[in-house]
Amino acid sequence: MYEFHGDMQRYHNMTREVTEQFVIPFVSQSLDMSKPLNVLEIGSGEAGVLSAFTKNGHKCVGIELSPNRVKRAEELMKDEVAAGQIRFIAQDIYDINPDDFQPKFDLIILKDVIEHIHQQEKIMVRLKEFLAPNGVIFFGFPPWYMPYGGHQQVAKSKIGSKLPFYHVLPTFLYKALLKMFGETDLMIEGLLEIKETGISIERFERITKSAGLTIDQSKFYLFNPIYKFKFGLTPRKQLGIINHIPFLRNFVTTCAYYTVKVG
């Protein structure tokens, strides 16, 4: 696991910087962000993403399953919480009544989240219930077939955490390799769950359409913006010709950004 994951303030700040430099400019091409907006993030974690939006005067809500992560987010953003600019909910989105939010949300964010969700078709439909008219949903995710699409970089083993692509092997082989590398049962269980929920570019586009959503724009990265902090690599957009080659693009695209709308 990357060492900054153990330093929540650093991780929070890093995520805020990526959001300020890359996510907000991208979203701004689909949504007028010159006025205060209501923003919802699903899987808000320690709220590094939302801190970039509160900094720009937007009012935010973070929904997060882990009460511990919500507690850390509230500590990191105690001033914004006290001012009523942001609030956090430790709950499953399916257990929340969307009518409790009035007005509804101009922007909904799922950054590095959709690839962890079971029944992805279902969440697409559910999100529409929280969205204001003319609202936008932002997705950012690593395509499943990219070198570390299985999130194996969080493995404890030096070999297992650095070996690319082996997450795409059949489950029994992947599990056997993880055991051989000395991973714990808990780690293996978590990585196998990601194997169940990992999402390709083509699948994302297909379930978006089936949910009655329209892709407004997309951007693919050869080097994910977060790699600036993980590896010291300059973020780099994917080659245009690669963007349009189905399936192949999944193997060489480390991050995909989308904004989608209803209709």
C-alpha atoms as a PDB file:
ATOM      1  CA  MET A   1       0.000   0.000   0.000  1.00  0.00           C
ATOM      2  CA  TYR A   2       1.268   3.479  -0.816  1.00  0.00           C
ATOM      3  CA  GLU A   3       2.685   5.173   2.240  1.00  0.00           C
ATOM      4  CA  PHE A   4       0.495   8.272   1.902  1.00  0.00           C
ATOM      5  CA  HIS A   5      -2.589   6.114   2.571  1.00  0.00           C
ATOM      6  CA  GLY A   6      -1.412   6.057   6.193  1.00  0.00           C
ATOM      7  CA  ASP A   7      -1.203   9.861   6.336  1.00  0.00           C
ATOM      8  CA  MET A   8      -4.799  11.007   5.984  1.00  0.00           C
ATOM      9  CA  GLN A   9      -3.999  14.713   5.856  1.00  0.00           C
ATOM     10  CA  ARG A  10      -1.530  14.166   3.036  1.00  0.00           C
ATOM     11  CA  TYR A  11      -3.930  11.884   1.180  1.00  0.00           C
ATOM     12  CA  HIS A  12      -6.732  14.426   1.636  1.00  0.00           C
ATOM     13  CA  ASN A  13      -4.550  17.238   0.281  1.00  0.00           C
ATOM     14  CA  MET A  14      -3.329  15.130  -2.637  1.00  0.00           C
ATOM     15  CA  THR A  15      -6.863  14.228  -3.671  1.00  0.00           C
ATOM     16  CA  ARG A  16      -7.909  17.882  -3.418  1.00  0.00           C
ATOM     17  CA  GLU A  17      -5.079  18.957  -5.700  1.00  0.00           C
ATOM     18  CA  VAL A  18      -5.978  16.352  -8.338  1.00  0.00           C
ATOM     19  CA  THR A  19      -9.602  17.504  -8.174  1.00  0.00           C
ATOM     20  CA  GLU A  20      -8.657  21.173  -8.504  1.00  0.00           C
ATOM     21  CA  GLN A  21      -6.261  20.605 -11.386  1.00  0.00           C
ATOM     22  CA  PHE A  22      -8.084  17.942 -13.385  1.00  0.00           C
ATOM     23  CA  VAL A  23     -11.605  17.058 -12.247  1.00  0.00           C
ATOM     24  CA  ILE A  24     -13.047  20.551 -11.877  1.00  0.00           C
ATOM     25  CA  PRO A  25     -11.740  21.818 -15.248  1.00  0.00           C
ATOM     26  CA  PHE A  26     -13.180  18.699 -16.883  1.00  0.00           C
ATOM     27  CA  VAL A  27     -16.591  19.048 -15.209  1.00  0.00           C
ATOM     28  CA  SER A  28     -16.655  22.754 -16.069  1.00  0.00           C
ATOM     29  CA  GLN A  29     -16.981  21.838 -19.732  1.00  0.00           C
ATOM     30  CA  SER A  30     -20.355  20.212 -18.979  1.00  0.00           C
ATOM     31  CA  LEU A  31     -21.654  22.387 -16.133  1.00  0.00           C
ATOM     32  CA  ASP A  32     -21.559  26.099 -15.344  1.00  0.00           C
ATOM     33  CA  MET A  33     -19.536  26.222 -12.127  1.00  0.00           C
ATOM     34  CA  SER A  34     -19.358  30.004 -11.864  1.00  0.00           C
ATOM     35  CA  LYS A  35     -22.256  29.970  -9.394  1.00  0.00           C
ATOM     36  CA  PRO A  36     -22.626  28.000  -6.129  1.00  0.00           C
ATOM     37  CA  LEU A  37     -23.797  24.445  -6.770  1.00  0.00           C
ATOM     38  CA  ASN A  38     -25.180  21.597  -4.688  1.00  0.00           C
ATOM     39  CA  VAL A  39     -22.658  18.769  -4.935  1.00  0.00           C
ATOM     40  CA  LEU A  40     -23.009  15.155  -3.820  1.00  0.00           C
ATOM     41  CA  GLU A  41     -20.180  12.625  -3.698  1.00  0.00           C
ATOM     42  CA  ILE A  42     -20.875   8.900  -3.391  1.00  0.00           C
ATOM     43  CA  GLY A  43     -18.011   7.147  -1.619  1.00  0.00           C
ATOM     44  CA  SER A  44     -16.591  10.397  -0.288  1.00  0.00           C
ATOM     45  CA  GLY A  45     -13.914   8.804   1.921  1.00  0.00           C
ATOM     46  CA  GLU A  46     -11.832  11.449   3.681  1.00  0.00           C
ATOM     47  CA  ALA A  47     -13.419  14.156   1.476  1.00  0.00           C
ATOM     48  CA  GLY A  48     -10.356  15.314  -0.404  1.00  0.00           C
ATOM     49  CA  VAL A  49     -12.456  15.613  -3.559  1.00  0.00           C
ATOM     50  CA  LEU A  50     -15.220  17.619  -1.880  1.00  0.00           C
ATOM     51  CA  SER A  51     -12.746  19.946  -0.187  1.00  0.00           C
ATOM     52  CA  ALA A  52     -11.852  21.282  -3.639  1.00  0.00           C
ATOM     53  CA  PHE A  53     -15.515  22.133  -4.204  1.00  0.00           C
ATOM     54  CA  THR A  54     -16.114  23.765  -0.810  1.00  0.00           C
ATOM     55  CA  LYS A  55     -12.982  25.828  -1.442  1.00  0.00           C
ATOM     56  CA  ASN A  56     -14.760  27.209  -4.517  1.00  0.00           C
ATOM     57  CA  GLY A  57     -17.945  28.073  -2.629  1.00  0.00           C
ATOM     58  CA  HIS A  58     -20.092  25.051  -3.441  1.00  0.00           C
ATOM     59  CA  LYS A  59     -22.309  23.318  -0.868  1.00  0.00           C
ATOM     60  CA  CYS A  60     -21.527  19.643  -0.478  1.00  0.00           C
ATOM     61  CA  VAL A  61     -22.806  16.346   0.890  1.00  0.00           C
ATOM     62  CA  GLY A  62     -20.654  13.233   1.194  1.00  0.00           C
ATOM     63  CA  ILE A  63     -22.178   9.763   1.442  1.00  0.00           C
ATOM     64  CA  GLU A  64     -19.787   7.094   2.691  1.00  0.00           C
ATOM     65  CA  LEU A  65     -20.408   3.551   3.952  1.00  0.00           C
ATOM     66  CA  SER A  66     -17.554   3.570   6.485  1.00  0.00           C
ATOM     67  CA  PRO A  67     -18.346   5.461   9.731  1.00  0.00           C
ATOM     68  CA  ASN A  68     -14.612   5.623  10.465  1.00  0.00           C
ATOM     69  CA  ARG A  69     -13.889   7.392   7.193  1.00  0.00           C
ATOM     70  CA  VAL A  70     -16.773   9.785   7.812  1.00  0.00           C
ATOM     71  CA  LYS A  71     -15.320  10.582  11.235  1.00  0.00           C
ATOM     72  CA  ARG A  72     -11.922  11.328   9.697  1.00  0.00           C
ATOM     73  CA  ALA A  73     -13.537  13.502   7.014  1.00  0.00           C
ATOM     74  CA  GLU A  74     -15.397  15.496   9.666  1.00  0.00           C
ATOM     75  CA  GLU A  75     -12.143  16.040  11.546  1.00  0.00           C
ATOM     76  CA  LEU A  76     -10.275  17.121   8.418  1.00  0.00           C
ATOM     77  CA  MET A  77     -13.069  19.508   7.411  1.00  0.00           C
ATOM     78  CA  LYS A  78     -14.290  20.615  10.833  1.00  0.00           C
ATOM     79  CA  ASP A  79     -14.421  24.299   9.867  1.00  0.00           C
ATOM     80  CA  GLU A  80     -16.543  23.626   6.776  1.00  0.00           C
ATOM     81  CA  VAL A  81     -18.811  21.296   8.776  1.00  0.00           C
ATOM     82  CA  ALA A  82     -19.261  23.947  11.477  1.00  0.00           C
ATOM     83  CA  ALA A  83     -20.122  26.533   8.819  1.00  0.00           C
ATOM     84  CA  GLY A  84     -22.775  24.269   7.302  1.00  0.00           C
ATOM     85  CA  GLN A  85     -20.945  24.140   3.989  1.00  0.00           C
ATOM     86  CA  ILE A  86     -20.581  20.364   4.032  1.00  0.00           C
ATOM     87  CA  ARG A  87     -22.123  17.409   5.805  1.00  0.00           C
ATOM     88  CA  PHE A  88     -21.457  13.700   5.771  1.00  0.00           C
ATOM     89  CA  ILE A  89     -23.781  10.716   5.925  1.00  0.00           C
ATOM     90  CA  ALA A  90     -22.545   7.252   6.925  1.00  0.00           C
ATOM     91  CA  GLN A  91     -25.163   5.220   5.114  1.00  0.00           C
ATOM     92  CA  ASP A  92     -25.913   3.141   2.024  1.00  0.00           C
ATOM     93  CA  ILE A  93     -27.298   5.289  -0.785  1.00  0.00           C
ATOM     94  CA  TYR A  94     -30.132   2.796  -1.242  1.00  0.00           C
ATOM     95  CA  ASP A  95     -31.269   3.483   2.329  1.00  0.00           C
ATOM     96  CA  ILE A  96     -31.494   7.244   1.791  1.00  0.00           C
ATOM     97  CA  ASN A  97     -34.629   8.992   0.570  1.00  0.00           C
ATOM     98  CA  PRO A  98     -33.650  11.268  -2.352  1.00  0.00           C
ATOM     99  CA  ASP A  99     -36.656  13.484  -1.596  1.00  0.00           C
ATOM    100  CA  ASP A 100     -34.925  14.488   1.655  1.00  0.00           C
ATOM    101  CA  PHE A 101     -32.626  16.661  -0.461  1.00  0.00           C
ATOM    102  CA  GLN A 102     -34.250  19.831  -1.735  1.00  0.00           C
ATOM    103  CA  PRO A 103     -33.039  21.222  -3.989  1.00  0.00           C
ATOM    104  CA  LYS A 104     -31.481  18.166  -5.528  1.00  0.00           C
ATOM    105  CA  PHE A 105     -27.894  17.998  -6.719  1.00  0.00           C
ATOM    106  CA  ASP A 106     -26.421  19.871  -9.659  1.00  0.00           C
ATOM    107  CA  LEU A 107     -23.398  17.584  -9.625  1.00  0.00           C
ATOM    108  CA  ILE A 108     -22.955  14.006  -8.426  1.00  0.00           C
ATOM    109  CA  ILE A 109     -19.431  12.604  -8.191  1.00  0.00           C
ATOM    110  CA  LEU A 110     -18.219   9.004  -8.244  1.00  0.00           C
ATOM    111  CA  LYS A 111     -14.445   9.094  -8.370  1.00  0.00           C
ATOM    112  CA  ASP A 112     -12.689   5.725  -8.101  1.00  0.00           C
ATOM    113  CA  VAL A 113     -15.960   4.236  -6.864  1.00  0.00           C
ATOM    114  CA  ILE A 114     -17.966   2.660  -9.701  1.00  0.00           C
ATOM    115  CA  GLU A 115     -15.390  -0.136 -10.054  1.00  0.00           C
ATOM    116  CA  HIS A 116     -16.162  -1.226  -6.465  1.00  0.00           C
ATOM    117  CA  ILE A 117     -19.948  -1.348  -6.782  1.00  0.00           C
ATOM    118  CA  HIS A 118     -21.999  -4.486  -7.314  1.00  0.00           C
ATOM    119  CA  GLN A 119     -25.047  -4.201  -9.596  1.00  0.00           C
ATOM    120  CA  GLN A 120     -23.654  -1.192 -11.442  1.00  0.00           C
ATOM    121  CA  GLU A 121     -26.742  -0.955 -13.646  1.00  0.00           C
ATOM    122  CA  LYS A 122     -28.827  -0.445 -10.506  1.00  0.00           C
ATOM    123  CA  ILE A 123     -26.680   2.404  -9.135  1.00  0.00           C
ATOM    124  CA  MET A 124     -26.881   4.231 -12.467  1.00  0.00           C
ATOM    125  CA  VAL A 125     -30.661   4.335 -12.231  1.00  0.00           C
ATOM    126  CA  ARG A 126     -30.558   5.252  -8.531  1.00  0.00           C
ATOM    127  CA  LEU A 127     -28.311   8.265  -9.144  1.00  0.00           C
ATOM    128  CA  LYS A 128     -30.924   9.857 -11.385  1.00  0.00           C
ATOM    129  CA  GLU A 129     -33.239  10.184  -8.369  1.00  0.00           C
ATOM    130  CA  PHE A 130     -30.768  12.549  -6.661  1.00  0.00           C
ATOM    131  CA  LEU A 131     -29.985  14.662  -9.713  1.00  0.00           C
ATOM    132  CA  ALA A 132     -31.451  18.115 -10.343  1.00  0.00           C
ATOM    133  CA  PRO A 133     -32.856  18.980 -13.774  1.00  0.00           C
ATOM    134  CA  ASN A 134     -29.918  19.667 -16.114  1.00  0.00           C
ATOM    135  CA  GLY A 135     -27.586  18.147 -13.519  1.00  0.00           C
ATOM    136  CA  VAL A 136     -24.391  16.260 -14.332  1.00  0.00           C
ATOM    137  CA  ILE A 137     -22.816  13.068 -13.004  1.00  0.00           C
ATOM    138  CA  PHE A 138     -19.023  12.733 -13.032  1.00  0.00           C
ATOM    139  CA  PHE A 139     -17.326   9.340 -13.113  1.00  0.00           C
ATOM    140  CA  GLY A 140     -13.626   8.666 -12.845  1.00  0.00           C
ATOM    141  CA  PHE A 141     -12.368   5.079 -12.811  1.00  0.00           C
ATOM    142  CA  PRO A 142      -9.509   2.796 -13.869  1.00  0.00           C
ATOM    143  CA  PRO A 143     -10.604   0.443 -16.682  1.00  0.00           C
ATOM    144  CA  TRP A 144     -10.487  -3.155 -15.480  1.00  0.00           C
ATOM    145  CA  TYR A 145      -7.949  -4.403 -18.039  1.00  0.00           C
ATOM    146  CA  MET A 146      -5.342  -1.722 -17.426  1.00  0.00           C
ATOM    147  CA  PRO A 147      -2.090  -2.902 -15.763  1.00  0.00           C
ATOM    148  CA  TYR A 148      -3.355  -2.389 -12.187  1.00  0.00           C
ATOM    149  CA  GLY A 149      -7.096  -2.452 -12.766  1.00  0.00           C
ATOM    150  CA  GLY A 150      -7.429  -5.102 -10.057  1.00  0.00           C
ATOM    151  CA  HIS A 151      -6.028  -2.680  -7.436  1.00  0.00           C
ATOM    152  CA  GLN A 152      -3.325  -5.267  -6.738  1.00  0.00           C
ATOM    153  CA  GLN A 153      -0.972  -2.389  -5.958  1.00  0.00           C
ATOM    154  CA  VAL A 154      -2.408  -2.447  -2.408  1.00  0.00           C
ATOM    155  CA  ALA A 155      -1.126  -6.005  -1.849  1.00  0.00           C
ATOM    156  CA  LYS A 156       1.477  -6.455   0.879  1.00  0.00           C
ATOM    157  CA  SER A 157       3.846  -8.535  -1.227  1.00  0.00           C
ATOM    158  CA  LYS A 158       6.526  -6.619  -3.117  1.00  0.00           C
ATOM    159  CA  ILE A 159       6.045  -8.862  -6.133  1.00  0.00           C
ATOM    160  CA  GLY A 160       2.267  -9.015  -5.901  1.00  0.00           C
ATOM    161  CA  SER A 161       1.912  -5.255  -5.575  1.00  0.00           C
ATOM    162  CA  LYS A 162       4.078  -4.492  -8.612  1.00  0.00           C
ATOM    163  CA  LEU A 163       3.174  -7.265 -11.047  1.00  0.00           C
ATOM    164  CA  PRO A 164       0.858  -5.894 -13.751  1.00  0.00           C
ATOM    165  CA  PHE A 165      -2.053  -7.554 -15.542  1.00  0.00           C
ATOM    166  CA  TYR A 166      -2.205 -10.788 -13.528  1.00  0.00           C
ATOM    167  CA  HIS A 167      -5.577  -9.745 -12.112  1.00  0.00           C
ATOM    168  CA  VAL A 168      -7.158 -10.573 -15.505  1.00  0.00           C
ATOM    169  CA  LEU A 169      -6.242 -14.260 -15.173  1.00  0.00           C
ATOM    170  CA  PRO A 170      -9.014 -16.743 -14.380  1.00  0.00           C
ATOM    171  CA  THR A 171     -10.064 -16.462 -10.750  1.00  0.00           C
ATOM    172  CA  PHE A 172      -8.515 -19.734  -9.622  1.00  0.00           C
ATOM    173  CA  LEU A 173      -5.107 -18.760 -11.051  1.00  0.00           C
ATOM    174  CA  TYR A 174      -5.280 -15.224  -9.671  1.00  0.00           C
ATOM    175  CA  LYS A 175      -6.170 -16.549  -6.215  1.00  0.00           C
ATOM    176  CA  ALA A 176      -3.373 -19.128  -6.359  1.00  0.00           C
ATOM    177  CA  LEU A 177      -0.812 -16.448  -7.211  1.00  0.00           C
ATOM    178  CA  LEU A 178      -2.012 -14.211  -4.382  1.00  0.00           C
ATOM    179  CA  LYS A 179      -1.650 -17.115  -1.958  1.00  0.00           C
ATOM    180  CA  MET A 180       1.810 -17.890  -3.330  1.00  0.00           C
ATOM    181  CA  PHE A 181       2.808 -14.242  -2.766  1.00  0.00           C
ATOM    182  CA  GLY A 182       1.776 -14.629   0.894  1.00  0.00           C
ATOM    183  CA  GLU A 183      -1.324 -12.390   0.907  1.00  0.00           C
ATOM    184  CA  THR A 184      -3.737 -12.768   3.815  1.00  0.00           C
ATOM    185  CA  ASP A 185      -7.185 -14.271   3.349  1.00  0.00           C
ATOM    186  CA  LEU A 186      -8.683 -10.839   4.011  1.00  0.00           C
ATOM    187  CA  MET A 187      -6.565  -9.199   1.307  1.00  0.00           C
ATOM    188  CA  ILE A 188      -7.352 -11.973  -1.154  1.00  0.00           C
ATOM    189  CA  GLU A 189     -11.063 -11.667  -0.436  1.00  0.00           C
ATOM    190  CA  GLY A 190     -10.929  -7.918  -1.090  1.00  0.00           C
ATOM    191  CA  LEU A 191      -8.998  -8.282  -4.349  1.00  0.00           C
ATOM    192  CA  LEU A 192     -11.311 -11.026  -5.596  1.00  0.00           C
ATOM    193  CA  GLU A 193     -14.283  -8.784  -4.883  1.00  0.00           C
ATOM    194  CA  ILE A 194     -12.748  -6.089  -7.083  1.00  0.00           C
ATOM    195  CA  LYS A 195     -12.332  -8.742  -9.773  1.00  0.00           C
ATOM    196  CA  GLU A 196     -16.106  -9.249  -9.590  1.00  0.00           C
ATOM    197  CA  THR A 197     -16.916  -5.544  -9.887  1.00  0.00           C
ATOM    198  CA  GLY A 198     -14.154  -4.201 -12.156  1.00  0.00           C
ATOM    199  CA  ILE A 199     -15.559  -2.298 -15.123  1.00  0.00           C
ATOM    200  CA  SER A 200     -14.356  -1.813 -18.689  1.00  0.00           C
ATOM    201  CA  ILE A 201     -14.859   1.297 -20.805  1.00  0.00           C
ATOM    202  CA  GLU A 202     -17.284  -0.563 -23.051  1.00  0.00           C
ATOM    203  CA  ARG A 203     -19.344  -1.885 -20.143  1.00  0.00           C
ATOM    204  CA  PHE A 204     -19.506   1.580 -18.589  1.00  0.00           C
ATOM    205  CA  GLU A 205     -20.795   3.107 -21.811  1.00  0.00           C
ATOM    206  CA  ARG A 206     -23.288   0.289 -22.294  1.00  0.00           C
ATOM    207  CA  ILE A 207     -24.863   0.485 -18.823  1.00  0.00           C
ATOM    208  CA  THR A 208     -24.912   4.288 -19.013  1.00  0.00           C
ATOM    209  CA  LYS A 209     -27.043   4.102 -22.123  1.00  0.00           C
ATOM    210  CA  SER A 210     -29.307   1.379 -20.708  1.00  0.00           C
ATOM    211  CA  ALA A 211     -29.989   3.561 -17.635  1.00  0.00           C
ATOM    212  CA  GLY A 212     -31.309   6.390 -19.812  1.00  0.00           C
ATOM    213  CA  LEU A 213     -28.185   8.504 -19.383  1.00  0.00           C
ATOM    214  CA  THR A 214     -26.252  10.262 -22.141  1.00  0.00           C
ATOM    215  CA  ILE A 215     -22.490  10.686 -22.212  1.00  0.00           C
ATOM    216  CA  ASP A 216     -21.694  14.385 -22.510  1.00  0.00           C
ATOM    217  CA  GLN A 217     -17.897  14.066 -22.706  1.00  0.00           C
ATOM    218  CA  SER A 218     -15.070  11.690 -21.942  1.00  0.00           C
ATOM    219  CA  LYS A 219     -11.330  11.858 -21.482  1.00  0.00           C
ATOM    220  CA  PHE A 220      -8.890   8.954 -21.269  1.00  0.00           C
ATOM    221  CA  TYR A 221      -5.454   9.136 -19.657  1.00  0.00           C
ATOM    222  CA  LEU A 222      -2.354   7.170 -20.510  1.00  0.00           C
ATOM    223  CA  PHE A 223      -0.958   8.352 -17.160  1.00  0.00           C
ATOM    224  CA  ASN A 224      -3.628   8.881 -14.488  1.00  0.00           C
ATOM    225  CA  PRO A 225      -3.407  12.355 -12.875  1.00  0.00           C
ATOM    226  CA  ILE A 226      -2.976  10.653  -9.485  1.00  0.00           C
ATOM    227  CA  TYR A 227       0.296   9.125 -10.753  1.00  0.00           C
ATOM    228  CA  LYS A 228       1.868  12.530 -10.257  1.00  0.00           C
ATOM    229  CA  PHE A 229       1.842  11.700  -6.560  1.00  0.00           C
ATOM    230  CA  LYS A 230       2.232   7.929  -6.716  1.00  0.00           C
ATOM    231  CA  PHE A 231       5.095   7.712  -9.202  1.00  0.00           C
ATOM    232  CA  GLY A 232       6.159  11.272 -10.019  1.00  0.00           C
ATOM    233  CA  LEU A 233       4.783  10.871 -13.554  1.00  0.00           C
ATOM    234  CA  THR A 234       3.408  13.819 -15.481  1.00  0.00           C
ATOM    235  CA  PRO A 235      -0.281  13.206 -16.304  1.00  0.00           C
ATOM    236  CA  ARG A 236      -0.688  12.471 -19.992  1.00  0.00           C
ATOM    237  CA  LYS A 237      -3.815  12.112 -22.107  1.00  0.00           C
ATOM    238  CA  GLN A 238      -4.307   8.955 -24.115  1.00  0.00           C
ATOM    239  CA  LEU A 239      -3.424   9.061 -27.825  1.00  0.00           C
ATOM    240  CA  GLY A 240      -6.471  10.021 -29.861  1.00  0.00           C
ATOM    241  CA  ILE A 241      -6.279   6.989 -32.119  1.00  0.00           C
ATOM    242  CA  ILE A 242      -6.242   4.643 -29.090  1.00  0.00           C
ATOM    243  CA  ASN A 243      -9.361   6.301 -27.661  1.00  0.00           C
ATOM    244  CA  HIS A 244     -11.403   4.886 -30.530  1.00  0.00           C
ATOM    245  CA  ILE A 245     -10.180   1.280 -30.530  1.00  0.00           C
ATOM    246  CA  PRO A 246     -12.641  -0.758 -28.432  1.00  0.00           C
ATOM    247  CA  PHE A 247     -11.218  -3.236 -25.921  1.00  0.00           C
ATOM    248  CA  LEU A 248      -7.565  -2.477 -26.731  1.00  0.00           C
ATOM    249  CA  ARG A 249      -7.922   0.977 -25.171  1.00  0.00           C
ATOM    250  CA  ASN A 250      -8.700  -0.651 -21.804  1.00  0.00           C
ATOM    251  CA  PHE A 251      -5.210  -2.165 -21.575  1.00  0.00           C
ATOM    252  CA  VAL A 252      -3.343   1.123 -22.038  1.00  0.00           C
ATOM    253  CA  THR A 253      -5.728   3.609 -20.402  1.00  0.00           C
ATOM    254  CA  THR A 254      -5.072   3.996 -16.684  1.00  0.00           C
ATOM    255  CA  CYS A 255      -7.956   6.381 -16.004  1.00  0.00           C
ATOM    256  CA  ALA A 256     -11.228   7.327 -17.693  1.00  0.00           C
ATOM    257  CA  TYR A 257     -13.209  10.492 -16.954  1.00  0.00           C
ATOM    258  CA  TYR A 258     -16.846  10.916 -17.997  1.00  0.00           C
ATOM    259  CA  THR A 259     -19.652  13.368 -17.474  1.00  0.00           C
ATOM    260  CA  VAL A 260     -23.157  12.086 -18.141  1.00  0.00           C
ATOM    261  CA  LYS A 261     -26.624  13.623 -18.159  1.00  0.00           C
ATOM    262  CA  VAL A 262     -30.219  12.396 -18.161  1.00  0.00           C
ATOM    263  CA  GLY A 263     -31.736  11.854 -21.601  1.00  0.00           C
END
